[in-house]
């Protein structure tokens, strides 16, 4: 989701996530042409995982440990693009980018998925939410889309007022100075960068919630 860095190491997977992945691959081999009811499939995986012995689980726990080593090694060598998280000042008064209808849906349903499948990885949780969303009818999606549209409308009004205020303040700082024209352009550039950071922050907040 969002505009993440494609070079950023893939997140580490839990032992349960490896188990679910294996179950999915087995199901595809046995039923290559059948579609999967993700909710039912996840429920069966969860029940099967609970009945497995420690010896049976050890295979997946070993896979998770190896993946953690891989993740830690890649993160040590990973350099975020253009000084990510360098502490650039952000205006706390800047309007926050509104969530999409899908994001609102995820916020509502994620806690239920986490309680039903406590070992599910971030990636599998996101995939499950995506499949649940795609299975919703237009009528079921409507409340989320209406709420998202209202939030977007409010954001557009707020950001227009915020930008207008930024330009007027920039104009007051240096009237008649050669750098004045440059200063007037700065708020817009900063605003664009702030919007990009807001998108990334939303993705990270979502990941943080999953990791708690």
C-alpha atoms as a PDB file:
ATOM      1  CA  UNK A   1       0.000   0.000   0.000  1.00  0.00           C
ATOM      2  CA  UNK A   2       0.965   3.590  -0.499  1.00  0.00           C
ATOM      3  CA  UNK A   3       4.116   4.706  -2.227  1.00  0.00           C
ATOM      4  CA  UNK A   4       6.639   2.576  -0.336  1.00  0.00           C
ATOM      5  CA  UNK A   5      10.280   2.119  -1.242  1.00  0.00           C
ATOM      6  CA  UNK A   6      10.559  -0.933  -3.572  1.00  0.00           C
ATOM      7  CA  UNK A   7      14.106  -1.537  -2.271  1.00  0.00           C
ATOM      8  CA  UNK A   8      13.004  -1.772   1.357  1.00  0.00           C
ATOM      9  CA  UNK A   9      13.470  -5.330   2.707  1.00  0.00           C
ATOM     10  CA  UNK A  10      10.349  -7.481   2.801  1.00  0.00           C
ATOM     11  CA  UNK A  11       8.970  -7.744   6.328  1.00  0.00           C
ATOM     12  CA  UNK A  12       9.790 -10.836   8.371  1.00  0.00           C
ATOM     13  CA  UNK A  13       7.167 -13.580   8.491  1.00  0.00           C
ATOM     14  CA  UNK A  14       5.919 -15.422  11.576  1.00  0.00           C
ATOM     15  CA  UNK A  15       5.854 -19.211  11.888  1.00  0.00           C
ATOM     16  CA  UNK A  16       2.066 -19.143  11.481  1.00  0.00           C
ATOM     17  CA  UNK A  17       2.374 -17.028   8.326  1.00  0.00           C
ATOM     18  CA  UNK A  18       4.700 -19.659   6.808  1.00  0.00           C
ATOM     19  CA  UNK A  19       2.175 -22.337   7.788  1.00  0.00           C
ATOM     20  CA  UNK A  20      -0.681 -20.467   6.072  1.00  0.00           C
ATOM     21  CA  UNK A  21       1.484 -19.919   3.000  1.00  0.00           C
ATOM     22  CA  UNK A  22       2.206 -23.668   2.840  1.00  0.00           C
ATOM     23  CA  UNK A  23      -1.502 -24.483   3.226  1.00  0.00           C
ATOM     24  CA  UNK A  24      -2.329 -22.072   0.398  1.00  0.00           C
ATOM     25  CA  UNK A  25       0.246 -23.682  -1.895  1.00  0.00           C
ATOM     26  CA  UNK A  26      -1.098 -27.163  -1.072  1.00  0.00           C
ATOM     27  CA  UNK A  27      -4.641 -26.016  -1.802  1.00  0.00           C
ATOM     28  CA  UNK A  28      -3.602 -24.534  -5.164  1.00  0.00           C
ATOM     29  CA  UNK A  29      -1.942 -27.825  -6.171  1.00  0.00           C
ATOM     30  CA  UNK A  30      -5.018 -29.861  -5.224  1.00  0.00           C
ATOM     31  CA  UNK A  31      -7.582 -27.392  -6.595  1.00  0.00           C
ATOM     32  CA  UNK A  32      -5.825 -25.240  -9.233  1.00  0.00           C
ATOM     33  CA  UNK A  33      -9.055 -23.983 -10.806  1.00  0.00           C
ATOM     34  CA  UNK A  34     -11.161 -23.366  -7.708  1.00  0.00           C
ATOM     35  CA  UNK A  35     -11.428 -19.974  -6.031  1.00  0.00           C
ATOM     36  CA  UNK A  36     -10.647 -19.692  -2.326  1.00  0.00           C
ATOM     37  CA  UNK A  37     -13.054 -18.371   0.282  1.00  0.00           C
ATOM     38  CA  UNK A  38     -10.358 -16.596   2.265  1.00  0.00           C
ATOM     39  CA  UNK A  39     -12.370 -16.267   5.490  1.00  0.00           C
ATOM     40  CA  UNK A  40     -13.233 -19.979   5.525  1.00  0.00           C
ATOM     41  CA  UNK A  41      -9.705 -20.958   4.475  1.00  0.00           C
ATOM     42  CA  UNK A  42      -8.122 -18.855   7.258  1.00  0.00           C
ATOM     43  CA  UNK A  43     -10.494 -20.336   9.820  1.00  0.00           C
ATOM     44  CA  UNK A  44      -9.503 -23.882   8.817  1.00  0.00           C
ATOM     45  CA  UNK A  45      -5.801 -22.974   8.946  1.00  0.00           C
ATOM     46  CA  UNK A  46      -6.225 -21.474  12.415  1.00  0.00           C
ATOM     47  CA  UNK A  47      -8.029 -24.581  13.706  1.00  0.00           C
ATOM     48  CA  UNK A  48      -5.419 -26.882  12.160  1.00  0.00           C
ATOM     49  CA  UNK A  49      -2.561 -24.827  13.674  1.00  0.00           C
ATOM     50  CA  UNK A  50      -4.077 -25.125  17.165  1.00  0.00           C
ATOM     51  CA  UNK A  51      -4.162 -28.929  16.944  1.00  0.00           C
ATOM     52  CA  UNK A  52      -0.566 -29.293  15.683  1.00  0.00           C
ATOM     53  CA  UNK A  53       2.149 -30.629  17.986  1.00  0.00           C
ATOM     54  CA  UNK A  54       5.267 -28.650  18.901  1.00  0.00           C
ATOM     55  CA  UNK A  55       7.270 -30.990  16.671  1.00  0.00           C
ATOM     56  CA  UNK A  56       5.020 -30.242  13.679  1.00  0.00           C
ATOM     57  CA  UNK A  57       5.237 -26.509  14.338  1.00  0.00           C
ATOM     58  CA  UNK A  58       9.035 -26.579  14.726  1.00  0.00           C
ATOM     59  CA  UNK A  59       9.497 -26.721  10.930  1.00  0.00           C
ATOM     60  CA  UNK A  60       7.667 -23.408  10.502  1.00  0.00           C
ATOM     61  CA  UNK A  61       9.347 -21.868  13.549  1.00  0.00           C
ATOM     62  CA  UNK A  62      12.709 -22.664  11.960  1.00  0.00           C
ATOM     63  CA  UNK A  63      11.578 -20.970   8.738  1.00  0.00           C
ATOM     64  CA  UNK A  64      10.518 -17.895  10.736  1.00  0.00           C
ATOM     65  CA  UNK A  65      13.898 -17.727  12.521  1.00  0.00           C
ATOM     66  CA  UNK A  66      15.756 -17.944   9.196  1.00  0.00           C
ATOM     67  CA  UNK A  67      13.546 -15.227   7.755  1.00  0.00           C
ATOM     68  CA  UNK A  68      14.212 -12.990  10.768  1.00  0.00           C
ATOM     69  CA  UNK A  69      17.974 -13.414  10.226  1.00  0.00           C
ATOM     70  CA  UNK A  70      17.464 -12.512   6.553  1.00  0.00           C
ATOM     71  CA  UNK A  71      15.368  -9.464   7.480  1.00  0.00           C
ATOM     72  CA  UNK A  72      17.829  -8.209  10.127  1.00  0.00           C
ATOM     73  CA  UNK A  73      20.742  -8.613   7.702  1.00  0.00           C
ATOM     74  CA  UNK A  74      18.938  -6.761   4.893  1.00  0.00           C
ATOM     75  CA  UNK A  75      17.830  -3.963   7.223  1.00  0.00           C
ATOM     76  CA  UNK A  76      21.445  -3.375   8.304  1.00  0.00           C
ATOM     77  CA  UNK A  77      22.392  -2.783   4.671  1.00  0.00           C
ATOM     78  CA  UNK A  78      19.238  -0.856   3.803  1.00  0.00           C
ATOM     79  CA  UNK A  79      19.575   2.878   3.192  1.00  0.00           C
ATOM     80  CA  UNK A  80      16.256   4.770   3.122  1.00  0.00           C
ATOM     81  CA  UNK A  81      15.791   7.005   0.048  1.00  0.00           C
ATOM     82  CA  UNK A  82      16.524  10.759   0.187  1.00  0.00           C
ATOM     83  CA  UNK A  83      17.222  10.805   3.922  1.00  0.00           C
ATOM     84  CA  UNK A  84      13.906   9.306   4.962  1.00  0.00           C
ATOM     85  CA  UNK A  85      12.929  10.048   8.566  1.00  0.00           C
ATOM     86  CA  UNK A  86      15.637  12.703   8.825  1.00  0.00           C
ATOM     87  CA  UNK A  87      13.386  14.732  11.057  1.00  0.00           C
ATOM     88  CA  UNK A  88      12.276  17.348   8.552  1.00  0.00           C
ATOM     89  CA  UNK A  89       9.977  19.812  10.257  1.00  0.00           C
ATOM     90  CA  UNK A  90       6.323  19.131   9.555  1.00  0.00           C
ATOM     91  CA  UNK A  91       3.619  21.631  10.286  1.00  0.00           C
ATOM     92  CA  UNK A  92       1.331  20.071  12.926  1.00  0.00           C
ATOM     93  CA  UNK A  93      -1.447  22.337  11.666  1.00  0.00           C
ATOM     94  CA  UNK A  94      -1.314  20.911   8.131  1.00  0.00           C
ATOM     95  CA  UNK A  95      -4.520  18.994   7.278  1.00  0.00           C
ATOM     96  CA  UNK A  96      -4.061  15.229   7.335  1.00  0.00           C
ATOM     97  CA  UNK A  97      -4.714  13.401   4.070  1.00  0.00           C
ATOM     98  CA  UNK A  98      -8.118  11.659   4.228  1.00  0.00           C
ATOM     99  CA  UNK A  99      -8.408   7.854   4.276  1.00  0.00           C
ATOM    100  CA  UNK A 100      -9.907   5.966   1.345  1.00  0.00           C
ATOM    101  CA  UNK A 101     -13.094   3.881   1.576  1.00  0.00           C
ATOM    102  CA  UNK A 102     -10.925   0.752   1.684  1.00  0.00           C
ATOM    103  CA  UNK A 103      -8.771   2.207   4.482  1.00  0.00           C
ATOM    104  CA  UNK A 104     -11.924   2.902   6.558  1.00  0.00           C
ATOM    105  CA  UNK A 105     -13.085  -0.662   5.905  1.00  0.00           C
ATOM    106  CA  UNK A 106      -9.686  -2.012   7.037  1.00  0.00           C
ATOM    107  CA  UNK A 107      -9.718   0.064  10.232  1.00  0.00           C
ATOM    108  CA  UNK A 108     -13.108  -1.392  11.136  1.00  0.00           C
ATOM    109  CA  UNK A 109     -12.386  -5.049  10.311  1.00  0.00           C
ATOM    110  CA  UNK A 110      -8.682  -5.411  11.215  1.00  0.00           C
ATOM    111  CA  UNK A 111      -9.268  -5.869  15.002  1.00  0.00           C
ATOM    112  CA  UNK A 112     -11.674  -8.755  14.316  1.00  0.00           C
ATOM    113  CA  UNK A 113      -9.177 -10.504  12.010  1.00  0.00           C
ATOM    114  CA  UNK A 114      -6.378 -10.050  14.564  1.00  0.00           C
ATOM    115  CA  UNK A 115      -8.515 -11.553  17.344  1.00  0.00           C
ATOM    116  CA  UNK A 116      -9.564 -14.524  15.178  1.00  0.00           C
ATOM    117  CA  UNK A 117      -6.063 -15.125  13.739  1.00  0.00           C
ATOM    118  CA  UNK A 118      -3.507 -13.753  16.248  1.00  0.00           C
ATOM    119  CA  UNK A 119      -0.519 -15.218  14.395  1.00  0.00           C
ATOM    120  CA  UNK A 120      -1.383 -13.785  10.975  1.00  0.00           C
ATOM    121  CA  UNK A 121       1.404 -11.678   9.448  1.00  0.00           C
ATOM    122  CA  UNK A 122       0.976  -8.055   8.329  1.00  0.00           C
ATOM    123  CA  UNK A 123       1.063  -9.081   4.677  1.00  0.00           C
ATOM    124  CA  UNK A 124      -1.521 -11.845   5.092  1.00  0.00           C
ATOM    125  CA  UNK A 125      -3.775  -9.573   7.145  1.00  0.00           C
ATOM    126  CA  UNK A 126      -3.654  -6.956   4.375  1.00  0.00           C
ATOM    127  CA  UNK A 127      -4.309  -9.629   1.742  1.00  0.00           C
ATOM    128  CA  UNK A 128      -7.279 -10.960   3.700  1.00  0.00           C
ATOM    129  CA  UNK A 129      -8.730  -7.460   4.072  1.00  0.00           C
ATOM    130  CA  UNK A 130      -8.270  -6.895   0.333  1.00  0.00           C
ATOM    131  CA  UNK A 131     -10.129 -10.094  -0.511  1.00  0.00           C
ATOM    132  CA  UNK A 132     -12.900  -9.281   1.973  1.00  0.00           C
ATOM    133  CA  UNK A 133     -13.266  -5.842   0.380  1.00  0.00           C
ATOM    134  CA  UNK A 134     -13.456  -7.271  -3.140  1.00  0.00           C
ATOM    135  CA  UNK A 135     -16.229  -9.632  -1.995  1.00  0.00           C
ATOM    136  CA  UNK A 136     -18.343  -6.750  -0.662  1.00  0.00           C
ATOM    137  CA  UNK A 137     -21.331  -5.726  -2.773  1.00  0.00           C
ATOM    138  CA  UNK A 138     -21.674  -2.156  -4.038  1.00  0.00           C
ATOM    139  CA  UNK A 139     -24.363  -1.644  -1.392  1.00  0.00           C
ATOM    140  CA  UNK A 140     -22.045  -2.843   1.404  1.00  0.00           C
ATOM    141  CA  UNK A 141     -19.236  -0.570   0.177  1.00  0.00           C
ATOM    142  CA  UNK A 142     -21.501   2.478  -0.035  1.00  0.00           C
ATOM    143  CA  UNK A 143     -21.280   3.619   3.638  1.00  0.00           C
ATOM    144  CA  UNK A 144     -17.463   3.596   3.485  1.00  0.00           C
ATOM    145  CA  UNK A 145     -17.402   5.382   0.128  1.00  0.00           C
ATOM    146  CA  UNK A 146     -19.823   8.045   1.366  1.00  0.00           C
ATOM    147  CA  UNK A 147     -17.783   8.645   4.515  1.00  0.00           C
ATOM    148  CA  UNK A 148     -14.541   8.780   2.478  1.00  0.00           C
ATOM    149  CA  UNK A 149     -16.122  11.274   0.048  1.00  0.00           C
ATOM    150  CA  UNK A 150     -17.151  13.555   2.932  1.00  0.00           C
ATOM    151  CA  UNK A 151     -13.687  13.378   4.483  1.00  0.00           C
ATOM    152  CA  UNK A 152     -12.089  14.110   1.105  1.00  0.00           C
ATOM    153  CA  UNK A 153     -14.367  17.108   0.565  1.00  0.00           C
ATOM    154  CA  UNK A 154     -13.465  18.467   4.003  1.00  0.00           C
ATOM    155  CA  UNK A 155      -9.752  17.861   3.337  1.00  0.00           C
ATOM    156  CA  UNK A 156      -9.860  19.728   0.014  1.00  0.00           C
ATOM    157  CA  UNK A 157     -11.420  22.749   1.724  1.00  0.00           C
ATOM    158  CA  UNK A 158      -8.949  22.598   4.612  1.00  0.00           C
ATOM    159  CA  UNK A 159      -5.884  22.187   2.382  1.00  0.00           C
ATOM    160  CA  UNK A 160      -6.992  25.067   0.141  1.00  0.00           C
ATOM    161  CA  UNK A 161      -7.290  27.320   3.186  1.00  0.00           C
ATOM    162  CA  UNK A 162      -3.966  26.048   4.547  1.00  0.00           C
ATOM    163  CA  UNK A 163      -2.143  26.725   1.270  1.00  0.00           C
ATOM    164  CA  UNK A 164      -3.692  30.170   0.942  1.00  0.00           C
ATOM    165  CA  UNK A 165      -2.550  30.989   4.457  1.00  0.00           C
ATOM    166  CA  UNK A 166       0.958  29.694   3.691  1.00  0.00           C
ATOM    167  CA  UNK A 167       1.253  31.856   0.584  1.00  0.00           C
ATOM    168  CA  UNK A 168       0.046  35.000   2.351  1.00  0.00           C
ATOM    169  CA  UNK A 169       2.525  34.475   5.197  1.00  0.00           C
ATOM    170  CA  UNK A 170       5.361  33.854   2.722  1.00  0.00           C
ATOM    171  CA  UNK A 171       4.488  37.099   0.959  1.00  0.00           C
ATOM    172  CA  UNK A 172       4.643  39.051   4.213  1.00  0.00           C
ATOM    173  CA  UNK A 173       8.137  37.753   5.082  1.00  0.00           C
ATOM    174  CA  UNK A 174      10.059  39.426   2.277  1.00  0.00           C
ATOM    175  CA  UNK A 175       8.174  41.998   0.177  1.00  0.00           C
ATOM    176  CA  UNK A 176      10.357  43.344  -2.610  1.00  0.00           C
ATOM    177  CA  UNK A 177      13.314  41.094  -1.813  1.00  0.00           C
ATOM    178  CA  UNK A 178      14.890  39.082  -4.663  1.00  0.00           C
ATOM    179  CA  UNK A 179      14.272  35.851  -2.754  1.00  0.00           C
ATOM    180  CA  UNK A 180      10.615  36.711  -2.278  1.00  0.00           C
ATOM    181  CA  UNK A 181       9.421  34.898  -5.378  1.00  0.00           C
ATOM    182  CA  UNK A 182      11.302  31.788  -4.340  1.00  0.00           C
ATOM    183  CA  UNK A 183       9.777  31.892  -0.882  1.00  0.00           C
ATOM    184  CA  UNK A 184       6.297  32.065  -2.353  1.00  0.00           C
ATOM    185  CA  UNK A 185       6.933  28.853  -4.203  1.00  0.00           C
ATOM    186  CA  UNK A 186       8.325  27.021  -1.197  1.00  0.00           C
ATOM    187  CA  UNK A 187       5.056  26.356   0.658  1.00  0.00           C
ATOM    188  CA  UNK A 188       3.697  24.460  -2.343  1.00  0.00           C
ATOM    189  CA  UNK A 189       6.811  22.289  -2.647  1.00  0.00           C
ATOM    190  CA  UNK A 190       6.808  21.572   1.064  1.00  0.00           C
ATOM    191  CA  UNK A 191       3.112  20.791   0.905  1.00  0.00           C
ATOM    192  CA  UNK A 192       3.626  18.220  -1.837  1.00  0.00           C
ATOM    193  CA  UNK A 193       6.384  16.558   0.189  1.00  0.00           C
ATOM    194  CA  UNK A 194       4.237  16.622   3.313  1.00  0.00           C
ATOM    195  CA  UNK A 195       1.395  14.929   1.461  1.00  0.00           C
ATOM    196  CA  UNK A 196       3.764  12.164   0.368  1.00  0.00           C
ATOM    197  CA  UNK A 197       4.953  11.725   3.941  1.00  0.00           C
ATOM    198  CA  UNK A 198       1.353  11.609   5.172  1.00  0.00           C
ATOM    199  CA  UNK A 199       0.695   8.697   2.824  1.00  0.00           C
ATOM    200  CA  UNK A 200       3.742   6.872   4.149  1.00  0.00           C
ATOM    201  CA  UNK A 201       2.748   7.648   7.737  1.00  0.00           C
ATOM    202  CA  UNK A 202      -0.680   6.094   7.186  1.00  0.00           C
ATOM    203  CA  UNK A 203       0.948   2.912   5.894  1.00  0.00           C
ATOM    204  CA  UNK A 204       3.348   2.809   8.843  1.00  0.00           C
ATOM    205  CA  UNK A 205       0.554   3.445  11.350  1.00  0.00           C
ATOM    206  CA  UNK A 206      -1.307   0.525   9.815  1.00  0.00           C
ATOM    207  CA  UNK A 207       1.784  -1.697  10.134  1.00  0.00           C
ATOM    208  CA  UNK A 208       2.361  -0.552  13.711  1.00  0.00           C
ATOM    209  CA  UNK A 209      -1.198  -1.501  14.642  1.00  0.00           C
ATOM    210  CA  UNK A 210      -0.655  -4.958  13.192  1.00  0.00           C
ATOM    211  CA  UNK A 211       2.588  -5.460  15.107  1.00  0.00           C
ATOM    212  CA  UNK A 212       1.093  -4.516  18.496  1.00  0.00           C
END
